Structure formats: C-alpha cells, structure tokens
Amino acid sequence: MDYHFNFAVIWRNWDVLLKGLGLGLYLALAALFIGAIIGLIAAFWSLSPRAWLRIPARVYVSVIRNTPLLVLIFITYFGLPQWGFRLPRTEAMIFTLAIYAGAYLCEAFRSGLVAIPKGLREAGLAVGMTELQIQSSIIVPVMLRNVLPVLSNNFIGLFKDTALAAAIAVPELTFQARKINTETFRVMESWLVASALYIIACYLIAALLRLVERRLAIPGTRQ
C-alpha cells in the first residue's frame, strides 16, 4: 500500500462539511415533525371502525414500508414533475422522508394508542370532556410519552437516511464529502471524516434524547 493520508484538504473544507452536517440535521428534524403528524393521523385512521379510513391507512403503511427509500426519492423528485408537481431538491427530500417516517411512526403510534388503558377515556367522559378534548389532552400526550424512545430512534434513523439526499444533489454531508473526494482524490480522508461526523452527531443526538426521555419519564419508572 502506497496510500498516504493527507487531511489538509479536509481542514480547508471543514466549514463546508459542517454546513452539510447542519443541513442533514435540519432535513431529519423537519421530516420527523411532519412525519409525526402524518403518522398520528394514519394511526387513528388505522384504528377507525370506518373501512374508508382504515383501509387507506393500512395500504399507505404497507406500500411505503415495502418500498426502498431511494426509489421514493426518485419518484418524488423525478416522477412527480411529470404530473405537474415540482419540488426543489431540499423540499423534495423533506417530503419524501416525512412520508417514509410517517409510515413507520403510524405503527408505533397505533401500538401506543392500543396500549392506553380504557379507563383514561372513561375518566375524561366522567368529568364532562368531549371526545376531541380527551384525545388531545389525555390520549395523545400519554401515547407520545410512551413512544418517545421510538421517536428518538426514528430521528437518528432519518438523520442517517439523509445521506441518500446526495442522489438528487442536496448539499448535505455525504454530498459534500463526495464533492471533496471527486475534486481532490482524497478518498479515505473524505469518507473517514464524514463517517466520524455522522457517528459523533448520532451519539450526541442519542445522549440528548435520552436525557429528554428521563426528564419526561413517569415518576417511579426512571432507569
């Protein structure tokens, strides 16, 4: 092996890599927020006794969960314009990640809703609350607290999935690392540093979310 490491080019482009890392975090956070809304709606629909709500929700989850994310990205960015729906690169990636996350979060939320004791709803009715008030003030907050670890894992997963945004030239971390690699031929340096940034970011995200989980844990259940 005659390959000699030279990280000077990495340090010269350090600000570009950090901007790419920041963009990746933004993509994941925006997609998680939108995806959580989609997943919550789909979860309620999937539990509905009305077939016209339940069936579309279950079809959506089945189709999205069994389609590769990269294919979904290409459909959004290259396919939708054929029908007159054109999104900029960044927005297309957020939209795709949100749809993708929503399908997985739907199952998590559905399980969380099923696990909530029926007594909570009955207690709400006993004090004169409406169904909407019970869902928004009791059921959903309790369910979200219970599925917080799943939300944390999904956020980390989405952040790593933002690497696929490079396929449509979104200038996140993987795109910037590939650009440096192409322009300087410093293959190992580019990808080792990109990997290290992903690992460090994921570790910090996990630690922060674990702290949030402990703060929100029900007294007596903290580990």
C-alpha atoms as a PDB file:
ATOM      1  CA  MET A   1       0.000   0.000   0.000  1.00  0.00           C
ATOM      2  CA  ASP A   2       1.398   3.366  -1.003  1.00  0.00           C
ATOM      3  CA  TYR A   3      -1.576   5.484   0.061  1.00  0.00           C
ATOM      4  CA  HIS A   4      -0.536   8.385   2.305  1.00  0.00           C
ATOM      5  CA  PHE A   5      -3.085  10.211   4.387  1.00  0.00           C
ATOM      6  CA  ASN A   6      -3.286  13.954   3.970  1.00  0.00           C
ATOM      7  CA  PHE A   7      -6.077  15.659   5.888  1.00  0.00           C
ATOM      8  CA  ALA A   8      -5.081  19.196   4.895  1.00  0.00           C
ATOM      9  CA  VAL A   9      -7.772  19.310   2.210  1.00  0.00           C
ATOM     10  CA  ILE A  10     -10.353  18.276   4.808  1.00  0.00           C
ATOM     11  CA  TRP A  11      -9.426  21.131   7.131  1.00  0.00           C
ATOM     12  CA  ARG A  12      -9.638  23.570   4.228  1.00  0.00           C
ATOM     13  CA  ASN A  13     -13.185  22.411   3.584  1.00  0.00           C
ATOM     14  CA  TRP A  14     -14.181  21.954   7.211  1.00  0.00           C
ATOM     15  CA  ASP A  15     -16.823  24.698   7.087  1.00  0.00           C
ATOM     16  CA  VAL A  16     -18.441  23.085   4.054  1.00  0.00           C
ATOM     17  CA  LEU A  17     -18.658  19.726   5.820  1.00  0.00           C
ATOM     18  CA  LEU A  18     -20.191  21.310   8.907  1.00  0.00           C
ATOM     19  CA  LYS A  19     -22.782  23.109   6.777  1.00  0.00           C
ATOM     20  CA  GLY A  20     -23.610  19.778   5.159  1.00  0.00           C
ATOM     21  CA  LEU A  21     -23.955  18.203   8.602  1.00  0.00           C
ATOM     22  CA  GLY A  22     -26.252  21.007   9.717  1.00  0.00           C
ATOM     23  CA  LEU A  23     -28.402  20.600   6.623  1.00  0.00           C
ATOM     24  CA  GLY A  24     -28.716  16.881   7.289  1.00  0.00           C
ATOM     25  CA  LEU A  25     -29.914  17.556  10.830  1.00  0.00           C
ATOM     26  CA  TYR A  26     -32.432  20.087   9.513  1.00  0.00           C
ATOM     27  CA  LEU A  27     -33.754  17.606   6.949  1.00  0.00           C
ATOM     28  CA  ALA A  28     -34.209  14.930   9.614  1.00  0.00           C
ATOM     29  CA  LEU A  29     -35.849  17.260  12.137  1.00  0.00           C
ATOM     30  CA  ALA A  30     -38.283  18.751   9.617  1.00  0.00           C
ATOM     31  CA  ALA A  31     -39.155  15.309   8.259  1.00  0.00           C
ATOM     32  CA  LEU A  32     -39.706  13.910  11.762  1.00  0.00           C
ATOM     33  CA  PHE A  33     -42.063  16.748  12.670  1.00  0.00           C
ATOM     34  CA  ILE A  34     -44.149  16.386   9.516  1.00  0.00           C
ATOM     35  CA  GLY A  35     -43.904  12.602   9.597  1.00  0.00           C
ATOM     36  CA  ALA A  36     -45.154  12.510  13.189  1.00  0.00           C
ATOM     37  CA  ILE A  37     -48.279  14.418  12.158  1.00  0.00           C
ATOM     38  CA  ILE A  38     -48.831  12.073   9.215  1.00  0.00           C
ATOM     39  CA  GLY A  39     -48.179   9.024  11.378  1.00  0.00           C
ATOM     40  CA  LEU A  40     -50.551  10.188  14.107  1.00  0.00           C
ATOM     41  CA  ILE A  41     -53.387  10.764  11.635  1.00  0.00           C
ATOM     42  CA  ALA A  42     -52.714   7.422   9.961  1.00  0.00           C
ATOM     43  CA  ALA A  43     -52.659   5.673  13.347  1.00  0.00           C
ATOM     44  CA  PHE A  44     -56.105   6.991  14.276  1.00  0.00           C
ATOM     45  CA  TRP A  45     -57.396   6.088  10.833  1.00  0.00           C
ATOM     46  CA  SER A  46     -55.986   2.552  11.047  1.00  0.00           C
ATOM     47  CA  LEU A  47     -57.917   2.014  14.295  1.00  0.00           C
ATOM     48  CA  SER A  48     -61.122   3.504  12.937  1.00  0.00           C
ATOM     49  CA  PRO A  49     -64.185   1.244  12.585  1.00  0.00           C
ATOM     50  CA  ARG A  50     -64.835   3.013   9.264  1.00  0.00           C
ATOM     51  CA  ALA A  51     -63.347   0.999   6.400  1.00  0.00           C
ATOM     52  CA  TRP A  52     -62.924   4.085   4.172  1.00  0.00           C
ATOM     53  CA  LEU A  53     -60.432   5.416   6.742  1.00  0.00           C
ATOM     54  CA  ARG A  54     -58.877   2.172   7.972  1.00  0.00           C
ATOM     55  CA  ILE A  55     -58.091   0.603   4.587  1.00  0.00           C
ATOM     56  CA  PRO A  56     -56.249   3.624   3.028  1.00  0.00           C
ATOM     57  CA  ALA A  57     -54.167   3.999   6.189  1.00  0.00           C
ATOM     58  CA  ARG A  58     -53.102   0.368   6.136  1.00  0.00           C
ATOM     59  CA  VAL A  59     -52.394   0.437   2.399  1.00  0.00           C
ATOM     60  CA  TYR A  60     -50.251   3.550   2.863  1.00  0.00           C
ATOM     61  CA  VAL A  61     -48.211   1.894   5.627  1.00  0.00           C
ATOM     62  CA  SER A  62     -47.785  -1.334   3.670  1.00  0.00           C
ATOM     63  CA  VAL A  63     -46.747   0.350   0.424  1.00  0.00           C
ATOM     64  CA  ILE A  64     -44.285   2.832   1.940  1.00  0.00           C
ATOM     65  CA  ARG A  65     -42.665   0.354   4.336  1.00  0.00           C
ATOM     66  CA  ASN A  66     -42.028  -2.073   1.465  1.00  0.00           C
ATOM     67  CA  THR A  67     -40.599   0.479  -0.977  1.00  0.00           C
ATOM     68  CA  PRO A  68     -36.896   1.404  -0.789  1.00  0.00           C
ATOM     69  CA  LEU A  69     -36.344   4.982   0.338  1.00  0.00           C
ATOM     70  CA  LEU A  70     -34.116   5.755  -2.642  1.00  0.00           C
ATOM     71  CA  VAL A  71     -36.923   4.728  -5.013  1.00  0.00           C
ATOM     72  CA  LEU A  72     -39.312   7.037  -3.150  1.00  0.00           C
ATOM     73  CA  ILE A  73     -36.823   9.889  -3.509  1.00  0.00           C
ATOM     74  CA  PHE A  74     -36.588   9.350  -7.263  1.00  0.00           C
ATOM     75  CA  ILE A  75     -40.381   9.151  -7.583  1.00  0.00           C
ATOM     76  CA  THR A  76     -40.755  12.436  -5.708  1.00  0.00           C
ATOM     77  CA  TYR A  77     -38.006  14.362  -7.461  1.00  0.00           C
ATOM     78  CA  PHE A  78     -38.124  12.913 -10.973  1.00  0.00           C
ATOM     79  CA  GLY A  79     -41.599  11.374 -11.171  1.00  0.00           C
ATOM     80  CA  LEU A  80     -43.949  13.962  -9.688  1.00  0.00           C
ATOM     81  CA  PRO A  81     -42.826  16.720 -12.111  1.00  0.00           C
ATOM     82  CA  GLN A  82     -44.293  14.567 -14.899  1.00  0.00           C
ATOM     83  CA  TRP A  83     -47.682  15.192 -13.272  1.00  0.00           C
ATOM     84  CA  GLY A  84     -47.066  18.882 -12.730  1.00  0.00           C
ATOM     85  CA  PHE A  85     -45.801  18.710  -9.124  1.00  0.00           C
ATOM     86  CA  ARG A  86     -42.237  20.010  -8.979  1.00  0.00           C
ATOM     87  CA  LEU A  87     -40.419  20.465  -5.668  1.00  0.00           C
ATOM     88  CA  PRO A  88     -36.947  21.942  -5.072  1.00  0.00           C
ATOM     89  CA  ARG A  89     -34.309  19.419  -4.017  1.00  0.00           C
ATOM     90  CA  THR A  90     -34.379  20.161  -0.297  1.00  0.00           C
ATOM     91  CA  GLU A  91     -38.177  20.264  -0.074  1.00  0.00           C
ATOM     92  CA  ALA A  92     -38.436  17.069  -2.131  1.00  0.00           C
ATOM     93  CA  MET A  93     -36.147  15.294   0.321  1.00  0.00           C
ATOM     94  CA  ILE A  94     -38.076  16.540   3.352  1.00  0.00           C
ATOM     95  CA  PHE A  95     -41.365  15.497   1.745  1.00  0.00           C
ATOM     96  CA  THR A  96     -40.060  12.012   0.955  1.00  0.00           C
ATOM     97  CA  LEU A  97     -38.524  11.486   4.395  1.00  0.00           C
ATOM     98  CA  ALA A  98     -41.737  12.686   6.046  1.00  0.00           C
ATOM     99  CA  ILE A  99     -43.884  10.250   4.053  1.00  0.00           C
ATOM    100  CA  TYR A 100     -41.377   7.482   4.828  1.00  0.00           C
ATOM    101  CA  ALA A 101     -41.225   8.307   8.539  1.00  0.00           C
ATOM    102  CA  GLY A 102     -44.991   8.635   8.774  1.00  0.00           C
ATOM    103  CA  ALA A 103     -45.479   5.011   7.739  1.00  0.00           C
ATOM    104  CA  TYR A 104     -43.153   3.724  10.450  1.00  0.00           C
ATOM    105  CA  LEU A 105     -44.436   6.108  13.112  1.00  0.00           C
ATOM    106  CA  CYS A 106     -48.005   5.099  12.297  1.00  0.00           C
ATOM    107  CA  GLU A 107     -47.296   1.595  13.568  1.00  0.00           C
ATOM    108  CA  ALA A 108     -45.578   2.932  16.671  1.00  0.00           C
ATOM    109  CA  PHE A 109     -48.426   5.330  17.421  1.00  0.00           C
ATOM    110  CA  ARG A 110     -51.030   2.663  16.742  1.00  0.00           C
ATOM    111  CA  SER A 111     -49.382   0.327  19.245  1.00  0.00           C
ATOM    112  CA  GLY A 112     -49.155   3.176  21.739  1.00  0.00           C
ATOM    113  CA  LEU A 113     -52.837   4.013  21.330  1.00  0.00           C
ATOM    114  CA  VAL A 114     -53.895   0.391  21.746  1.00  0.00           C
ATOM    115  CA  ALA A 115     -51.816   0.108  24.946  1.00  0.00           C
ATOM    116  CA  ILE A 116     -53.503   3.075  26.666  1.00  0.00           C
ATOM    117  CA  PRO A 117     -55.931   1.911  29.380  1.00  0.00           C
ATOM    118  CA  LYS A 118     -59.591   2.486  28.520  1.00  0.00           C
ATOM    119  CA  GLY A 119     -60.055   3.949  31.983  1.00  0.00           C
ATOM    120  CA  LEU A 120     -58.379   7.177  30.854  1.00  0.00           C
ATOM    121  CA  ARG A 121     -61.085   7.811  28.289  1.00  0.00           C
ATOM    122  CA  GLU A 122     -63.786   6.901  30.745  1.00  0.00           C
ATOM    123  CA  ALA A 123     -62.314   9.262  33.314  1.00  0.00           C
ATOM    124  CA  GLY A 124     -62.370  12.066  30.779  1.00  0.00           C
ATOM    125  CA  LEU A 125     -66.006  11.396  29.945  1.00  0.00           C
ATOM    126  CA  ALA A 126     -66.828  11.332  33.647  1.00  0.00           C
ATOM    127  CA  VAL A 127     -65.617  14.903  34.112  1.00  0.00           C
ATOM    128  CA  GLY A 128     -67.538  16.148  31.084  1.00  0.00           C
ATOM    129  CA  MET A 129     -64.787  16.251  28.450  1.00  0.00           C
ATOM    130  CA  THR A 130     -65.638  15.815  24.779  1.00  0.00           C
ATOM    131  CA  GLU A 131     -64.043  13.108  22.614  1.00  0.00           C
ATOM    132  CA  LEU A 132     -61.800  15.704  20.972  1.00  0.00           C
ATOM    133  CA  GLN A 133     -60.683  17.053  24.351  1.00  0.00           C
ATOM    134  CA  ILE A 134     -59.976  13.536  25.607  1.00  0.00           C
ATOM    135  CA  GLN A 135     -57.886  12.687  22.540  1.00  0.00           C
ATOM    136  CA  SER A 136     -55.919  15.942  22.515  1.00  0.00           C
ATOM    137  CA  SER A 137     -55.464  16.443  26.273  1.00  0.00           C
ATOM    138  CA  ILE A 138     -55.168  12.877  27.576  1.00  0.00           C
ATOM    139  CA  ILE A 139     -54.736  10.132  24.993  1.00  0.00           C
ATOM    140  CA  VAL A 140     -52.194  11.741  22.639  1.00  0.00           C
ATOM    141  CA  PRO A 141     -49.894  13.204  25.362  1.00  0.00           C
ATOM    142  CA  VAL A 142     -49.768   9.869  27.216  1.00  0.00           C
ATOM    143  CA  MET A 143     -49.156   7.966  23.991  1.00  0.00           C
ATOM    144  CA  LEU A 144     -46.375  10.329  22.885  1.00  0.00           C
ATOM    145  CA  ARG A 145     -44.629   9.932  26.227  1.00  0.00           C
ATOM    146  CA  ASN A 146     -44.796   6.150  25.876  1.00  0.00           C
ATOM    147  CA  VAL A 147     -43.426   6.103  22.328  1.00  0.00           C
ATOM    148  CA  LEU A 148     -40.720   8.724  22.871  1.00  0.00           C
ATOM    149  CA  PRO A 149     -37.915   6.123  22.554  1.00  0.00           C
ATOM    150  CA  VAL A 150     -39.333   5.156  19.155  1.00  0.00           C
ATOM    151  CA  LEU A 151     -39.389   8.805  18.084  1.00  0.00           C
ATOM    152  CA  SER A 152     -35.762   9.117  19.183  1.00  0.00           C
ATOM    153  CA  ASN A 153     -34.716   6.081  17.160  1.00  0.00           C
ATOM    154  CA  ASN A 154     -36.630   7.339  14.140  1.00  0.00           C
ATOM    155  CA  PHE A 155     -34.908  10.710  14.313  1.00  0.00           C
ATOM    156  CA  ILE A 156     -31.484   9.075  14.345  1.00  0.00           C
ATOM    157  CA  GLY A 157     -32.527   6.779  11.512  1.00  0.00           C
ATOM    158  CA  LEU A 158     -33.826   9.699   9.456  1.00  0.00           C
ATOM    159  CA  PHE A 159     -30.620  11.619  10.032  1.00  0.00           C
ATOM    160  CA  LYS A 160     -28.586   8.725   8.644  1.00  0.00           C
ATOM    161  CA  ASP A 161     -31.033   8.353   5.750  1.00  0.00           C
ATOM    162  CA  THR A 162     -30.370  11.965   4.725  1.00  0.00           C
ATOM    163  CA  ALA A 163     -27.183  10.619   3.146  1.00  0.00           C
ATOM    164  CA  LEU A 164     -29.394   9.447   0.274  1.00  0.00           C
ATOM    165  CA  ALA A 165     -30.171  13.091  -0.489  1.00  0.00           C
ATOM    166  CA  ALA A 166     -26.834  13.187  -2.292  1.00  0.00           C
ATOM    167  CA  ALA A 167     -28.543  11.205  -5.067  1.00  0.00           C
ATOM    168  CA  ILE A 168     -30.509  14.341  -6.034  1.00  0.00           C
ATOM    169  CA  ALA A 169     -27.642  16.764  -5.284  1.00  0.00           C
ATOM    170  CA  VAL A 170     -28.885  18.089  -1.947  1.00  0.00           C
ATOM    171  CA  PRO A 171     -25.681  19.566  -0.428  1.00  0.00           C
ATOM    172  CA  GLU A 172     -25.749  17.647   2.870  1.00  0.00           C
ATOM    173  CA  LEU A 173     -22.739  15.909   4.422  1.00  0.00           C
ATOM    174  CA  THR A 174     -22.451  12.931   2.076  1.00  0.00           C
ATOM    175  CA  PHE A 175     -22.766  15.167  -0.989  1.00  0.00           C
ATOM    176  CA  GLN A 176     -20.040  17.478   0.305  1.00  0.00           C
ATOM    177  CA  ALA A 177     -17.749  14.557   1.163  1.00  0.00           C
ATOM    178  CA  ARG A 178     -18.239  13.100  -2.302  1.00  0.00           C
ATOM    179  CA  LYS A 179     -17.552  16.501  -3.853  1.00  0.00           C
ATOM    180  CA  ILE A 180     -14.284  16.837  -1.921  1.00  0.00           C
ATOM    181  CA  ASN A 181     -13.365  13.279  -2.882  1.00  0.00           C
ATOM    182  CA  THR A 182     -14.053  13.950  -6.567  1.00  0.00           C
ATOM    183  CA  GLU A 183     -12.129  17.231  -6.657  1.00  0.00           C
ATOM    184  CA  THR A 184      -9.082  16.197  -4.609  1.00  0.00           C
ATOM    185  CA  PHE A 185      -8.985  12.377  -4.934  1.00  0.00           C
ATOM    186  CA  ARG A 186      -8.581  12.119  -1.144  1.00  0.00           C
ATOM    187  CA  VAL A 187     -10.870   9.105  -0.913  1.00  0.00           C
ATOM    188  CA  MET A 188     -10.141   7.750   2.565  1.00  0.00           C
ATOM    189  CA  GLU A 189      -9.851  11.146   4.203  1.00  0.00           C
ATOM    190  CA  SER A 190     -13.188  12.347   2.851  1.00  0.00           C
ATOM    191  CA  TRP A 191     -15.182   9.302   3.838  1.00  0.00           C
ATOM    192  CA  LEU A 192     -13.458   8.689   7.169  1.00  0.00           C
ATOM    193  CA  VAL A 193     -14.157  12.233   8.310  1.00  0.00           C
ATOM    194  CA  ALA A 194     -17.740  12.064   7.031  1.00  0.00           C
ATOM    195  CA  SER A 195     -18.235   8.802   8.917  1.00  0.00           C
ATOM    196  CA  ALA A 196     -16.765  10.300  12.078  1.00  0.00           C
ATOM    197  CA  LEU A 197     -19.105  13.292  11.834  1.00  0.00           C
ATOM    198  CA  TYR A 198     -22.115  11.009  11.421  1.00  0.00           C
ATOM    199  CA  ILE A 199     -21.059   8.882  14.399  1.00  0.00           C
ATOM    200  CA  ILE A 200     -20.429  11.865  16.658  1.00  0.00           C
ATOM    201  CA  ALA A 201     -23.707  13.527  15.660  1.00  0.00           C
ATOM    202  CA  CYS A 202     -25.709  10.330  16.229  1.00  0.00           C
ATOM    203  CA  TYR A 203     -24.064   9.784  19.614  1.00  0.00           C
ATOM    204  CA  LEU A 204     -24.844  13.352  20.721  1.00  0.00           C
ATOM    205  CA  ILE A 205     -28.417  13.105  19.449  1.00  0.00           C
ATOM    206  CA  ALA A 206     -28.919   9.821  21.309  1.00  0.00           C
ATOM    207  CA  ALA A 207     -27.500  11.281  24.520  1.00  0.00           C
ATOM    208  CA  LEU A 208     -29.674  14.380  24.280  1.00  0.00           C
ATOM    209  CA  LEU A 209     -32.838  12.429  23.540  1.00  0.00           C
ATOM    210  CA  ARG A 210     -32.065  10.006  26.353  1.00  0.00           C
ATOM    211  CA  LEU A 211     -31.889  12.984  28.698  1.00  0.00           C
ATOM    212  CA  VAL A 212     -35.250  14.211  27.422  1.00  0.00           C
ATOM    213  CA  GLU A 213     -36.729  10.741  27.966  1.00  0.00           C
ATOM    214  CA  ARG A 214     -35.543  10.741  31.569  1.00  0.00           C
ATOM    215  CA  ARG A 215     -36.973  14.203  32.187  1.00  0.00           C
ATOM    216  CA  LEU A 216     -40.357  13.175  30.805  1.00  0.00           C
ATOM    217  CA  ALA A 217     -40.444   9.716  32.376  1.00  0.00           C
ATOM    218  CA  ILE A 218     -43.292   8.936  34.730  1.00  0.00           C
ATOM    219  CA  PRO A 219     -42.037   9.063  38.356  1.00  0.00           C
ATOM    220  CA  GLY A 220     -41.019   5.637  39.567  1.00  0.00           C
ATOM    221  CA  THR A 221     -40.175   4.357  36.064  1.00  0.00           C
ATOM    222  CA  ARG A 222     -36.826   6.065  35.526  1.00  0.00           C
ATOM    223  CA  GLN A 223     -33.914   3.769  34.906  1.00  0.00           C
END
